[in-house]
Amino acid sequence: MDLKILRQDVCQNKTVFNRSAEQSIDIDFILPDYYPPVNKVLKCKTMPRITACAINGQTLTGEGTLNILLMYVSNENEVCSYEHIFNFTKSFELDGNYNDCIPRCHAKEEYMN
């Protein structure tokens, strides 16, 4: 009777760094000339999304985009919308070497004015 032994690496899920940060977005954008002028703003909505998250040495870097959707009424009483995309980057300094770790980053909207 033969006994076969298989040796395989086992992954362990453990939180080694858990931190949040605020990325303020202070942006002014101008509608293109071919869009009708704004008479009244109906709604302004933001949708953040993380596009990349990586560890390089002792730095955790997250990159993402923020889609800003503006809905408004023009001077001719038409409902119009415009979408503006803003790129952002946020970095964290780590206190150890986590090159073997797989980072996971999340983005959420807290407050918009």
PDB file of N, CA and C in Angstrom:
ATOM      1  N   MET A   1       0.846  -1.168   0.000  1.00  0.00           N
ATOM      2  CA  MET A   1       0.000   0.000   0.000  1.00  0.00           C
ATOM      3  C   MET A   1       0.895   1.235   0.000  1.00  0.00           C
ATOM      4  N   ASP A   2       0.666   2.154  -0.942  1.00  0.00           N
ATOM      5  CA  ASP A   2       1.456   3.386  -1.053  1.00  0.00           C
ATOM      6  C   ASP A   2       0.692   4.543  -0.427  1.00  0.00           C
ATOM      7  N   LEU A   3       1.425   5.381   0.233  1.00  0.00           N
ATOM      8  CA  LEU A   3       0.842   6.589   0.843  1.00  0.00           C
ATOM      9  C   LEU A   3       1.482   7.800   0.176  1.00  0.00           C
ATOM     10  N   LYS A   4       0.678   8.575  -0.523  1.00  0.00           N
ATOM     11  CA  LYS A   4       1.186   9.761  -1.213  1.00  0.00           C
ATOM     12  C   LYS A   4       0.949  10.985  -0.333  1.00  0.00           C
ATOM     13  N   ILE A   5       1.969  11.779  -0.170  1.00  0.00           N
ATOM     14  CA  ILE A   5       1.880  13.001   0.630  1.00  0.00           C
ATOM     15  C   ILE A   5       2.053  14.188  -0.312  1.00  0.00           C
ATOM     16  N   LEU A   6       1.107  15.048  -0.287  1.00  0.00           N
ATOM     17  CA  LEU A   6       1.167  16.281  -1.088  1.00  0.00           C
ATOM     18  C   LEU A   6       1.467  17.453  -0.163  1.00  0.00           C
ATOM     19  N   ARG A   7       2.458  18.218  -0.500  1.00  0.00           N
ATOM     20  CA  ARG A   7       2.803  19.406   0.289  1.00  0.00           C
ATOM     21  C   ARG A   7       2.433  20.633  -0.537  1.00  0.00           C
ATOM     22  N   GLN A   8       1.722  21.534   0.133  1.00  0.00           N
ATOM     23  CA  GLN A   8       1.211  22.701  -0.567  1.00  0.00           C
ATOM     24  C   GLN A   8       1.212  23.877   0.400  1.00  0.00           C
ATOM     25  N   ASP A   9       1.493  25.078  -0.124  1.00  0.00           N
ATOM     26  CA  ASP A   9       1.447  26.282   0.705  1.00  0.00           C
ATOM     27  C   ASP A   9       0.006  26.598   1.075  1.00  0.00           C
ATOM     28  N   VAL A  10      -0.172  27.074   2.282  1.00  0.00           N
ATOM     29  CA  VAL A  10      -1.493  27.451   2.760  1.00  0.00           C
ATOM     30  C   VAL A  10      -1.498  28.956   2.964  1.00  0.00           C
ATOM     31  N   CYS A  11      -2.484  29.612   2.416  1.00  0.00           N
ATOM     32  CA  CYS A  11      -2.614  31.070   2.571  1.00  0.00           C
ATOM     33  C   CYS A  11      -3.335  31.378   3.877  1.00  0.00           C
ATOM     34  N   GLN A  12      -2.953  32.473   4.453  1.00  0.00           N
ATOM     35  CA  GLN A  12      -3.574  32.909   5.700  1.00  0.00           C
ATOM     36  C   GLN A  12      -4.070  34.333   5.515  1.00  0.00           C
ATOM     37  N   ASN A  13      -5.345  34.552   5.769  1.00  0.00           N
ATOM     38  CA  ASN A  13      -5.909  35.892   5.687  1.00  0.00           C
ATOM     39  C   ASN A  13      -5.815  36.549   7.051  1.00  0.00           C
ATOM     40  N   LYS A  14      -5.127  37.659   7.097  1.00  0.00           N
ATOM     41  CA  LYS A  14      -4.943  38.383   8.342  1.00  0.00           C
ATOM     42  C   LYS A  14      -4.795  39.859   8.010  1.00  0.00           C
ATOM     43  N   THR A  15      -5.430  40.699   8.779  1.00  0.00           N
ATOM     44  CA  THR A  15      -5.303  42.134   8.575  1.00  0.00           C
ATOM     45  C   THR A  15      -4.021  42.611   9.247  1.00  0.00           C
ATOM     46  N   VAL A  16      -3.122  43.176   8.452  1.00  0.00           N
ATOM     47  CA  VAL A  16      -1.865  43.678   9.001  1.00  0.00           C
ATOM     48  C   VAL A  16      -1.813  45.199   9.013  1.00  0.00           C
ATOM     49  N   PHE A  17      -2.691  45.832   8.247  1.00  0.00           N
ATOM     50  CA  PHE A  17      -2.733  47.292   8.183  1.00  0.00           C
ATOM     51  C   PHE A  17      -4.164  47.686   7.877  1.00  0.00           C
ATOM     52  N   ASN A  18      -4.780  48.432   8.773  1.00  0.00           N
ATOM     53  CA  ASN A  18      -6.167  48.847   8.588  1.00  0.00           C
ATOM     54  C   ASN A  18      -6.244  50.323   8.919  1.00  0.00           C
ATOM     55  N   ARG A  19      -6.344  51.141   7.895  1.00  0.00           N
ATOM     56  CA  ARG A  19      -6.367  52.575   8.101  1.00  0.00           C
ATOM     57  C   ARG A  19      -7.211  53.230   7.024  1.00  0.00           C
ATOM     58  N   SER A  20      -7.814  54.338   7.379  1.00  0.00           N
ATOM     59  CA  SER A  20      -8.579  55.098   6.393  1.00  0.00           C
ATOM     60  C   SER A  20      -8.005  56.509   6.321  1.00  0.00           C
ATOM     61  N   ALA A  21      -8.234  57.138   5.205  1.00  0.00           N
ATOM     62  CA  ALA A  21      -7.733  58.497   4.989  1.00  0.00           C
ATOM     63  C   ALA A  21      -8.749  59.274   4.174  1.00  0.00           C
ATOM     64  N   GLU A  22      -8.691  60.549   4.328  1.00  0.00           N
ATOM     65  CA  GLU A  22      -9.595  61.432   3.595  1.00  0.00           C
ATOM     66  C   GLU A  22      -8.857  62.022   2.413  1.00  0.00           C
ATOM     67  N   GLN A  23      -9.472  61.938   1.266  1.00  0.00           N
ATOM     68  CA  GLN A  23      -8.931  62.543   0.058  1.00  0.00           C
ATOM     69  C   GLN A  23      -9.892  63.647  -0.347  1.00  0.00           C
ATOM     70  N   SER A  24      -9.535  64.874  -0.027  1.00  0.00           N
ATOM     71  CA  SER A  24     -10.432  65.971  -0.376  1.00  0.00           C
ATOM     72  C   SER A  24     -10.286  66.288  -1.862  1.00  0.00           C
ATOM     73  N   ILE A  25     -11.398  66.530  -2.473  1.00  0.00           N
ATOM     74  CA  ILE A  25     -11.445  66.857  -3.898  1.00  0.00           C
ATOM     75  C   ILE A  25     -11.981  68.282  -4.004  1.00  0.00           C
ATOM     76  N   ASP A  26     -11.102  69.199  -4.272  1.00  0.00           N
ATOM     77  CA  ASP A  26     -11.498  70.590  -4.448  1.00  0.00           C
ATOM     78  C   ASP A  26     -11.275  70.917  -5.920  1.00  0.00           C
ATOM     79  N   ILE A  27     -12.325  70.808  -6.681  1.00  0.00           N
ATOM     80  CA  ILE A  27     -12.190  70.935  -8.125  1.00  0.00           C
ATOM     81  C   ILE A  27     -13.284  71.843  -8.679  1.00  0.00           C
ATOM     82  N   ASP A  28     -12.909  72.660  -9.604  1.00  0.00           N
ATOM     83  CA  ASP A  28     -13.846  73.463 -10.375  1.00  0.00           C
ATOM     84  C   ASP A  28     -13.706  73.023 -11.825  1.00  0.00           C
ATOM     85  N   PHE A  29     -14.809  72.755 -12.466  1.00  0.00           N
ATOM     86  CA  PHE A  29     -14.751  72.399 -13.879  1.00  0.00           C
ATOM     87  C   PHE A  29     -15.728  73.255 -14.644  1.00  0.00           C
ATOM     88  N   ILE A  30     -15.416  73.473 -15.897  1.00  0.00           N
ATOM     89  CA  ILE A  30     -16.214  74.330 -16.773  1.00  0.00           C
ATOM     90  C   ILE A  30     -16.861  73.453 -17.831  1.00  0.00           C
ATOM     91  N   LEU A  31     -18.133  73.663 -18.049  1.00  0.00           N
ATOM     92  CA  LEU A  31     -18.833  72.920 -19.096  1.00  0.00           C
ATOM     93  C   LEU A  31     -18.277  73.319 -20.457  1.00  0.00           C
ATOM     94  N   PRO A  32     -18.178  72.374 -21.382  1.00  0.00           N
ATOM     95  CA  PRO A  32     -17.762  72.731 -22.740  1.00  0.00           C
ATOM     96  C   PRO A  32     -18.753  73.701 -23.381  1.00  0.00           C
ATOM     97  N   ASP A  33     -18.291  74.413 -24.384  1.00  0.00           N
ATOM     98  CA  ASP A  33     -19.109  75.441 -25.031  1.00  0.00           C
ATOM     99  C   ASP A  33     -20.357  74.881 -25.704  1.00  0.00           C
ATOM    100  N   TYR A  34     -20.316  73.632 -26.144  1.00  0.00           N
ATOM    101  CA  TYR A  34     -21.466  73.067 -26.841  1.00  0.00           C
ATOM    102  C   TYR A  34     -22.555  72.577 -25.885  1.00  0.00           C
ATOM    103  N   TYR A  35     -22.336  72.641 -24.568  1.00  0.00           N
ATOM    104  CA  TYR A  35     -23.384  72.329 -23.596  1.00  0.00           C
ATOM    105  C   TYR A  35     -24.181  73.595 -23.293  1.00  0.00           C
ATOM    106  N   PRO A  36     -25.484  73.474 -23.072  1.00  0.00           N
ATOM    107  CA  PRO A  36     -26.268  74.663 -22.728  1.00  0.00           C
ATOM    108  C   PRO A  36     -25.863  75.198 -21.353  1.00  0.00           C
ATOM    109  N   PRO A  37     -26.000  76.498 -21.150  1.00  0.00           N
ATOM    110  CA  PRO A  37     -25.612  77.081 -19.856  1.00  0.00           C
ATOM    111  C   PRO A  37     -26.524  76.607 -18.725  1.00  0.00           C
ATOM    112  N   VAL A  38     -25.988  76.644 -17.510  1.00  0.00           N
ATOM    113  CA  VAL A  38     -26.704  76.161 -16.321  1.00  0.00           C
ATOM    114  C   VAL A  38     -27.619  77.255 -15.806  1.00  0.00           C
ATOM    115  N   ASN A  39     -28.888  76.915 -15.628  1.00  0.00           N
ATOM    116  CA  ASN A  39     -29.846  77.820 -15.014  1.00  0.00           C
ATOM    117  C   ASN A  39     -30.072  77.421 -13.559  1.00  0.00           C
ATOM    118  N   LYS A  40     -30.228  76.101 -13.320  1.00  0.00           N
ATOM    119  CA  LYS A  40     -30.465  75.598 -11.972  1.00  0.00           C
ATOM    120  C   LYS A  40     -29.873  74.199 -11.856  1.00  0.00           C
ATOM    121  N   VAL A  41     -29.124  73.945 -10.784  1.00  0.00           N
ATOM    122  CA  VAL A  41     -28.543  72.625 -10.551  1.00  0.00           C
ATOM    123  C   VAL A  41     -29.590  71.747  -9.861  1.00  0.00           C
ATOM    124  N   LEU A  42     -29.855  70.586 -10.455  1.00  0.00           N
ATOM    125  CA  LEU A  42     -30.816  69.646  -9.874  1.00  0.00           C
ATOM    126  C   LEU A  42     -30.125  68.671  -8.925  1.00  0.00           C
ATOM    127  N   LYS A  43     -29.018  68.110  -9.382  1.00  0.00           N
ATOM    128  CA  LYS A  43     -28.330  67.117  -8.574  1.00  0.00           C
ATOM    129  C   LYS A  43     -26.875  67.035  -9.014  1.00  0.00           C
ATOM    130  N   CYS A  44     -26.006  66.825  -8.031  1.00  0.00           N
ATOM    131  CA  CYS A  44     -24.597  66.585  -8.303  1.00  0.00           C
ATOM    132  C   CYS A  44     -24.219  65.325  -7.532  1.00  0.00           C
ATOM    133  N   LYS A  45     -23.785  64.309  -8.248  1.00  0.00           N
ATOM    134  CA  LYS A  45     -23.506  63.015  -7.635  1.00  0.00           C
ATOM    135  C   LYS A  45     -22.072  62.610  -7.942  1.00  0.00           C
ATOM    136  N   THR A  46     -21.402  62.020  -6.943  1.00  0.00           N
ATOM    137  CA  THR A  46     -20.044  61.533  -7.149  1.00  0.00           C
ATOM    138  C   THR A  46     -20.021  60.017  -6.989  1.00  0.00           C
ATOM    139  N   MET A  47     -19.181  59.372  -7.790  1.00  0.00           N
ATOM    140  CA  MET A  47     -19.036  57.919  -7.730  1.00  0.00           C
ATOM    141  C   MET A  47     -17.545  57.579  -7.709  1.00  0.00           C
ATOM    142  N   PRO A  48     -16.962  57.340  -6.495  1.00  0.00           N
ATOM    143  CA  PRO A  48     -15.539  56.991  -6.435  1.00  0.00           C
ATOM    144  C   PRO A  48     -15.310  55.527  -6.788  1.00  0.00           C
ATOM    145  N   ARG A  49     -14.120  55.254  -7.353  1.00  0.00           N
ATOM    146  CA  ARG A  49     -13.760  53.882  -7.711  1.00  0.00           C
ATOM    147  C   ARG A  49     -12.250  53.734  -7.633  1.00  0.00           C
ATOM    148  N   ILE A  50     -11.786  52.694  -6.951  1.00  0.00           N
ATOM    149  CA  ILE A  50     -10.367  52.393  -6.875  1.00  0.00           C
ATOM    150  C   ILE A  50      -9.979  51.592  -8.112  1.00  0.00           C
ATOM    151  N   THR A  51      -8.963  52.053  -8.835  1.00  0.00           N
ATOM    152  CA  THR A  51      -8.537  51.351 -10.044  1.00  0.00           C
ATOM    153  C   THR A  51      -7.278  50.530  -9.823  1.00  0.00           C
ATOM    154  N   ALA A  52      -6.432  50.905  -8.848  1.00  0.00           N
ATOM    155  CA  ALA A  52      -5.203  50.155  -8.580  1.00  0.00           C
ATOM    156  C   ALA A  52      -4.825  50.324  -7.116  1.00  0.00           C
ATOM    157  N   CYS A  53      -4.298  49.250  -6.546  1.00  0.00           N
ATOM    158  CA  CYS A  53      -3.844  49.257  -5.161  1.00  0.00           C
ATOM    159  C   CYS A  53      -2.610  48.358  -5.103  1.00  0.00           C
ATOM    160  N   ALA A  54      -1.446  48.912  -4.696  1.00  0.00           N
ATOM    161  CA  ALA A  54      -0.211  48.136  -4.738  1.00  0.00           C
ATOM    162  C   ALA A  54       0.701  48.522  -3.586  1.00  0.00           C
ATOM    163  N   ILE A  55       1.532  47.566  -3.194  1.00  0.00           N
ATOM    164  CA  ILE A  55       2.553  47.802  -2.175  1.00  0.00           C
ATOM    165  C   ILE A  55       3.904  47.800  -2.869  1.00  0.00           C
ATOM    166  N   ASN A  56       4.682  48.863  -2.639  1.00  0.00           N
ATOM    167  CA  ASN A  56       6.023  48.977  -3.192  1.00  0.00           C
ATOM    168  C   ASN A  56       6.956  49.338  -2.048  1.00  0.00           C
ATOM    169  N   GLY A  57       7.710  48.357  -1.554  1.00  0.00           N
ATOM    170  CA  GLY A  57       8.579  48.602  -0.417  1.00  0.00           C
ATOM    171  C   GLY A  57       7.759  48.813   0.840  1.00  0.00           C
ATOM    172  N   GLN A  58       7.865  50.000   1.425  1.00  0.00           N
ATOM    173  CA  GLN A  58       7.090  50.332   2.621  1.00  0.00           C
ATOM    174  C   GLN A  58       6.022  51.374   2.330  1.00  0.00           C
ATOM    175  N   THR A  59       5.551  51.402   1.098  1.00  0.00           N
ATOM    176  CA  THR A  59       4.520  52.357   0.699  1.00  0.00           C
ATOM    177  C   THR A  59       3.342  51.623   0.064  1.00  0.00           C
ATOM    178  N   LEU A  60       2.161  51.896   0.580  1.00  0.00           N
ATOM    179  CA  LEU A  60       0.914  51.394  -0.005  1.00  0.00           C
ATOM    180  C   LEU A  60       0.312  52.535  -0.807  1.00  0.00           C
ATOM    181  N   THR A  61       0.081  52.307  -2.089  1.00  0.00           N
ATOM    182  CA  THR A  61      -0.446  53.348  -2.971  1.00  0.00           C
ATOM    183  C   THR A  61      -1.764  52.899  -3.574  1.00  0.00           C
ATOM    184  N   GLY A  62      -2.758  53.758  -3.466  1.00  0.00           N
ATOM    185  CA  GLY A  62      -4.052  53.498  -4.083  1.00  0.00           C
ATOM    186  C   GLY A  62      -4.357  54.575  -5.107  1.00  0.00           C
ATOM    187  N   GLU A  63      -4.788  54.153  -6.271  1.00  0.00           N
ATOM    188  CA  GLU A  63      -5.157  55.091  -7.335  1.00  0.00           C
ATOM    189  C   GLU A  63      -6.619  54.860  -7.688  1.00  0.00           C
ATOM    190  N   GLY A  64      -7.282  55.929  -8.070  1.00  0.00           N
ATOM    191  CA  GLY A  64      -8.682  55.788  -8.412  1.00  0.00           C
ATOM    192  C   GLY A  64      -9.197  56.928  -9.254  1.00  0.00           C
ATOM    193  N   THR A  65     -10.458  56.820  -9.580  1.00  0.00           N
ATOM    194  CA  THR A  65     -11.133  57.870 -10.341  1.00  0.00           C
ATOM    195  C   THR A  65     -12.401  58.272  -9.602  1.00  0.00           C
ATOM    196  N   LEU A  66     -12.784  59.479  -9.817  1.00  0.00           N
ATOM    197  CA  LEU A  66     -14.018  60.001  -9.256  1.00  0.00           C
ATOM    198  C   LEU A  66     -14.847  60.533 -10.411  1.00  0.00           C
ATOM    199  N   ASN A  67     -15.997  59.926 -10.633  1.00  0.00           N
ATOM    200  CA  ASN A  67     -16.926  60.404 -11.662  1.00  0.00           C
ATOM    201  C   ASN A  67     -17.898  61.377 -11.010  1.00  0.00           C
ATOM    202  N   ILE A  68     -17.952  62.572 -11.538  1.00  0.00           N
ATOM    203  CA  ILE A  68     -18.860  63.596 -11.036  1.00  0.00           C
ATOM    204  C   ILE A  68     -19.958  63.775 -12.077  1.00  0.00           C
ATOM    205  N   LEU A  69     -21.184  63.517 -11.666  1.00  0.00           N
ATOM    206  CA  LEU A  69     -22.332  63.633 -12.566  1.00  0.00           C
ATOM    207  C   LEU A  69     -23.147  64.846 -12.151  1.00  0.00           C
ATOM    208  N   LEU A  70     -23.294  65.785 -13.055  1.00  0.00           N
ATOM    209  CA  LEU A  70     -24.039  67.015 -12.808  1.00  0.00           C
ATOM    210  C   LEU A  70     -25.320  66.988 -13.630  1.00  0.00           C
ATOM    211  N   MET A  71     -26.453  67.107 -12.960  1.00  0.00           N
ATOM    212  CA  MET A  71     -27.741  67.222 -13.647  1.00  0.00           C
ATOM    213  C   MET A  71     -28.277  68.625 -13.396  1.00  0.00           C
ATOM    214  N   TYR A  72     -28.684  69.290 -14.465  1.00  0.00           N
ATOM    215  CA  TYR A  72     -29.110  70.681 -14.332  1.00  0.00           C
ATOM    216  C   TYR A  72     -30.193  71.015 -15.348  1.00  0.00           C
ATOM    217  N   VAL A  73     -30.793  72.173 -15.146  1.00  0.00           N
ATOM    218  CA  VAL A  73     -31.792  72.708 -16.070  1.00  0.00           C
ATOM    219  C   VAL A  73     -31.155  73.874 -16.806  1.00  0.00           C
ATOM    220  N   SER A  74     -31.301  73.880 -18.120  1.00  0.00           N
ATOM    221  CA  SER A  74     -30.723  74.956 -18.924  1.00  0.00           C
ATOM    222  C   SER A  74     -31.669  76.154 -18.979  1.00  0.00           C
ATOM    223  N   ASN A  75     -31.233  77.179 -19.673  1.00  0.00           N
ATOM    224  CA  ASN A  75     -32.060  78.387 -19.816  1.00  0.00           C
ATOM    225  C   ASN A  75     -33.324  78.122 -20.629  1.00  0.00           C
ATOM    226  N   GLU A  76     -33.291  77.084 -21.475  1.00  0.00           N
ATOM    227  CA  GLU A  76     -34.464  76.727 -22.277  1.00  0.00           C
ATOM    228  C   GLU A  76     -35.327  75.688 -21.573  1.00  0.00           C
ATOM    229  N   ASN A  77     -35.159  75.498 -20.272  1.00  0.00           N
ATOM    230  CA  ASN A  77     -35.897  74.530 -19.452  1.00  0.00           C
ATOM    231  C   ASN A  77     -35.724  73.088 -19.929  1.00  0.00           C
ATOM    232  N   GLU A  78     -34.541  72.754 -20.397  1.00  0.00           N
ATOM    233  CA  GLU A  78     -34.202  71.385 -20.746  1.00  0.00           C
ATOM    234  C   GLU A  78     -33.406  70.769 -19.598  1.00  0.00           C
ATOM    235  N   VAL A  79     -33.661  69.507 -19.305  1.00  0.00           N
ATOM    236  CA  VAL A  79     -32.872  68.799 -18.306  1.00  0.00           C
ATOM    237  C   VAL A  79     -31.633  68.243 -19.005  1.00  0.00           C
ATOM    238  N   CYS A  80     -30.464  68.620 -18.509  1.00  0.00           N
ATOM    239  CA  CYS A  80     -29.192  68.221 -19.115  1.00  0.00           C
ATOM    240  C   CYS A  80     -28.306  67.558 -18.065  1.00  0.00           C
ATOM    241  N   SER A  81     -27.327  66.816 -18.534  1.00  0.00           N
ATOM    242  CA  SER A  81     -26.374  66.203 -17.617  1.00  0.00           C
ATOM    243  C   SER A  81     -24.978  66.297 -18.207  1.00  0.00           C
ATOM    244  N   TYR A  82     -23.993  66.308 -17.325  1.00  0.00           N
ATOM    245  CA  TYR A  82     -22.593  66.376 -17.721  1.00  0.00           C
ATOM    246  C   TYR A  82     -21.791  65.515 -16.754  1.00  0.00           C
ATOM    247  N   GLU A  83     -20.856  64.751 -17.285  1.00  0.00           N
ATOM    248  CA  GLU A  83     -20.021  63.884 -16.454  1.00  0.00           C
ATOM    249  C   GLU A  83     -18.564  64.329 -16.561  1.00  0.00           C
ATOM    250  N   HIS A  84     -17.942  64.509 -15.402  1.00  0.00           N
ATOM    251  CA  HIS A  84     -16.543  64.919 -15.334  1.00  0.00           C
ATOM    252  C   HIS A  84     -15.773  63.849 -14.567  1.00  0.00           C
ATOM    253  N   ILE A  85     -14.599  63.447 -15.062  1.00  0.00           N
ATOM    254  CA  ILE A  85     -13.802  62.407 -14.425  1.00  0.00           C
ATOM    255  C   ILE A  85     -12.546  63.037 -13.828  1.00  0.00           C
ATOM    256  N   PHE A  86     -12.291  62.720 -12.557  1.00  0.00           N
ATOM    257  CA  PHE A  86     -11.151  63.258 -11.821  1.00  0.00           C
ATOM    258  C   PHE A  86     -10.320  62.083 -11.298  1.00  0.00           C
ATOM    259  N   ASN A  87      -9.011  62.082 -11.550  1.00  0.00           N
ATOM    260  CA  ASN A  87      -8.116  61.031 -11.073  1.00  0.00           C
ATOM    261  C   ASN A  87      -7.475  61.458  -9.761  1.00  0.00           C
ATOM    262  N   PHE A  88      -7.267  60.492  -8.857  1.00  0.00           N
ATOM    263  CA  PHE A  88      -6.619  60.803  -7.587  1.00  0.00           C
ATOM    264  C   PHE A  88      -5.696  59.664  -7.178  1.00  0.00           C
ATOM    265  N   THR A  89      -4.746  59.974  -6.283  1.00  0.00           N
ATOM    266  CA  THR A  89      -3.787  59.016  -5.749  1.00  0.00           C
ATOM    267  C   THR A  89      -3.612  59.279  -4.270  1.00  0.00           C
ATOM    268  N   LYS A  90      -3.538  58.210  -3.486  1.00  0.00           N
ATOM    269  CA  LYS A  90      -3.313  58.328  -2.045  1.00  0.00           C
ATOM    270  C   LYS A  90      -2.253  57.309  -1.640  1.00  0.00           C
ATOM    271  N   SER A  91      -1.286  57.722  -0.820  1.00  0.00           N
ATOM    272  CA  SER A  91      -0.204  56.845  -0.379  1.00  0.00           C
ATOM    273  C   SER A  91      -0.157  56.772   1.135  1.00  0.00           C
ATOM    274  N   PHE A  92       0.241  55.606   1.639  1.00  0.00           N
ATOM    275  CA  PHE A  92       0.417  55.375   3.074  1.00  0.00           C
ATOM    276  C   PHE A  92       1.814  54.822   3.310  1.00  0.00           C
ATOM    277  N   GLU A  93       2.446  55.258   4.383  1.00  0.00           N
ATOM    278  CA  GLU A  93       3.730  54.700   4.789  1.00  0.00           C
ATOM    279  C   GLU A  93       3.462  53.537   5.743  1.00  0.00           C
ATOM    280  N   LEU A  94       4.047  52.378   5.451  1.00  0.00           N
ATOM    281  CA  LEU A  94       3.879  51.192   6.268  1.00  0.00           C
ATOM    282  C   LEU A  94       5.049  51.061   7.236  1.00  0.00           C
ATOM    283  N   ASP A  95       4.813  50.446   8.383  1.00  0.00           N
ATOM    284  CA  ASP A  95       5.866  50.311   9.375  1.00  0.00           C
ATOM    285  C   ASP A  95       6.653  49.011   9.244  1.00  0.00           C
ATOM    286  N   GLY A  96       6.314  48.164   8.319  1.00  0.00           N
ATOM    287  CA  GLY A  96       7.014  46.910   8.114  1.00  0.00           C
ATOM    288  C   GLY A  96       7.116  46.586   6.636  1.00  0.00           C
ATOM    289  N   ASN A  97       7.637  45.401   6.339  1.00  0.00           N
ATOM    290  CA  ASN A  97       7.761  44.963   4.964  1.00  0.00           C
ATOM    291  C   ASN A  97       6.605  44.014   4.651  1.00  0.00           C
ATOM    292  N   TYR A  98       5.696  44.438   3.811  1.00  0.00           N
ATOM    293  CA  TYR A  98       4.508  43.663   3.470  1.00  0.00           C
ATOM    294  C   TYR A  98       4.473  43.340   1.982  1.00  0.00           C
ATOM    295  N   ASN A  99       5.626  43.077   1.377  1.00  0.00           N
ATOM    296  CA  ASN A  99       5.666  42.815  -0.070  1.00  0.00           C
ATOM    297  C   ASN A  99       4.932  41.536  -0.449  1.00  0.00           C
ATOM    298  N   ASP A 100       4.826  40.564   0.474  1.00  0.00           N
ATOM    299  CA  ASP A 100       4.133  39.316   0.163  1.00  0.00           C
ATOM    300  C   ASP A 100       2.630  39.418   0.349  1.00  0.00           C
ATOM    301  N   CYS A 101       2.151  40.551   0.817  1.00  0.00           N
ATOM    302  CA  CYS A 101       0.717  40.721   1.087  1.00  0.00           C
ATOM    303  C   CYS A 101      -0.027  41.155  -0.173  1.00  0.00           C
ATOM    304  N   ILE A 102      -1.289  40.855  -0.190  1.00  0.00           N
ATOM    305  CA  ILE A 102      -2.166  41.297  -1.278  1.00  0.00           C
ATOM    306  C   ILE A 102      -3.031  42.421  -0.726  1.00  0.00           C
ATOM    307  N   PRO A 103      -2.847  43.662  -1.194  1.00  0.00           N
ATOM    308  CA  PRO A 103      -3.622  44.785  -0.642  1.00  0.00           C
ATOM    309  C   PRO A 103      -5.046  44.797  -1.172  1.00  0.00           C
ATOM    310  N   ARG A 104      -5.944  45.314  -0.353  1.00  0.00           N
ATOM    311  CA  ARG A 104      -7.344  45.483  -0.738  1.00  0.00           C
ATOM    312  C   ARG A 104      -7.759  46.879  -0.292  1.00  0.00           C
ATOM    313  N   CYS A 105      -8.191  47.694  -1.228  1.00  0.00           N
ATOM    314  CA  CYS A 105      -8.561  49.089  -0.943  1.00  0.00           C
ATOM    315  C   CYS A 105     -10.018  49.317  -1.323  1.00  0.00           C
ATOM    316  N   HIS A 106     -10.677  50.175  -0.568  1.00  0.00           N
ATOM    317  CA  HIS A 106     -12.076  50.529  -0.812  1.00  0.00           C
ATOM    318  C   HIS A 106     -12.196  52.043  -0.815  1.00  0.00           C
ATOM    319  N   ALA A 107     -13.149  52.560  -1.555  1.00  0.00           N
ATOM    320  CA  ALA A 107     -13.436  53.985  -1.585  1.00  0.00           C
ATOM    321  C   ALA A 107     -14.913  54.201  -1.294  1.00  0.00           C
ATOM    322  N   LYS A 108     -15.202  55.239  -0.552  1.00  0.00           N
ATOM    323  CA  LYS A 108     -16.600  55.585  -0.312  1.00  0.00           C
ATOM    324  C   LYS A 108     -16.719  57.105  -0.165  1.00  0.00           C
ATOM    325  N   GLU A 109     -17.871  57.585  -0.503  1.00  0.00           N
ATOM    326  CA  GLU A 109     -18.141  59.022  -0.431  1.00  0.00           C
ATOM    327  C   GLU A 109     -18.707  59.316   0.958  1.00  0.00           C
ATOM    328  N   GLU A 110     -18.127  60.293   1.627  1.00  0.00           N
ATOM    329  CA  GLU A 110     -18.594  60.664   2.965  1.00  0.00           C
ATOM    330  C   GLU A 110     -19.430  61.944   2.922  1.00  0.00           C
ATOM    331  N   TYR A 111     -18.909  62.964   2.270  1.00  0.00           N
ATOM    332  CA  TYR A 111     -19.588  64.259   2.274  1.00  0.00           C
ATOM    333  C   TYR A 111     -19.299  64.956   0.955  1.00  0.00           C
ATOM    334  N   MET A 112     -20.329  65.584   0.413  1.00  0.00           N
ATOM    335  CA  MET A 112     -20.143  66.340  -0.816  1.00  0.00           C
ATOM    336  C   MET A 112     -20.953  67.628  -0.705  1.00  0.00           C
ATOM    337  N   ASN A 113     -20.350  68.704  -1.109  1.00  0.00           N
ATOM    338  CA  ASN A 113     -21.003  69.995  -1.059  1.00  0.00           C
ATOM    339  C   ASN A 113     -21.109  70.552  -2.460  1.00  0.00           C
TER     340      ASN A 113
END
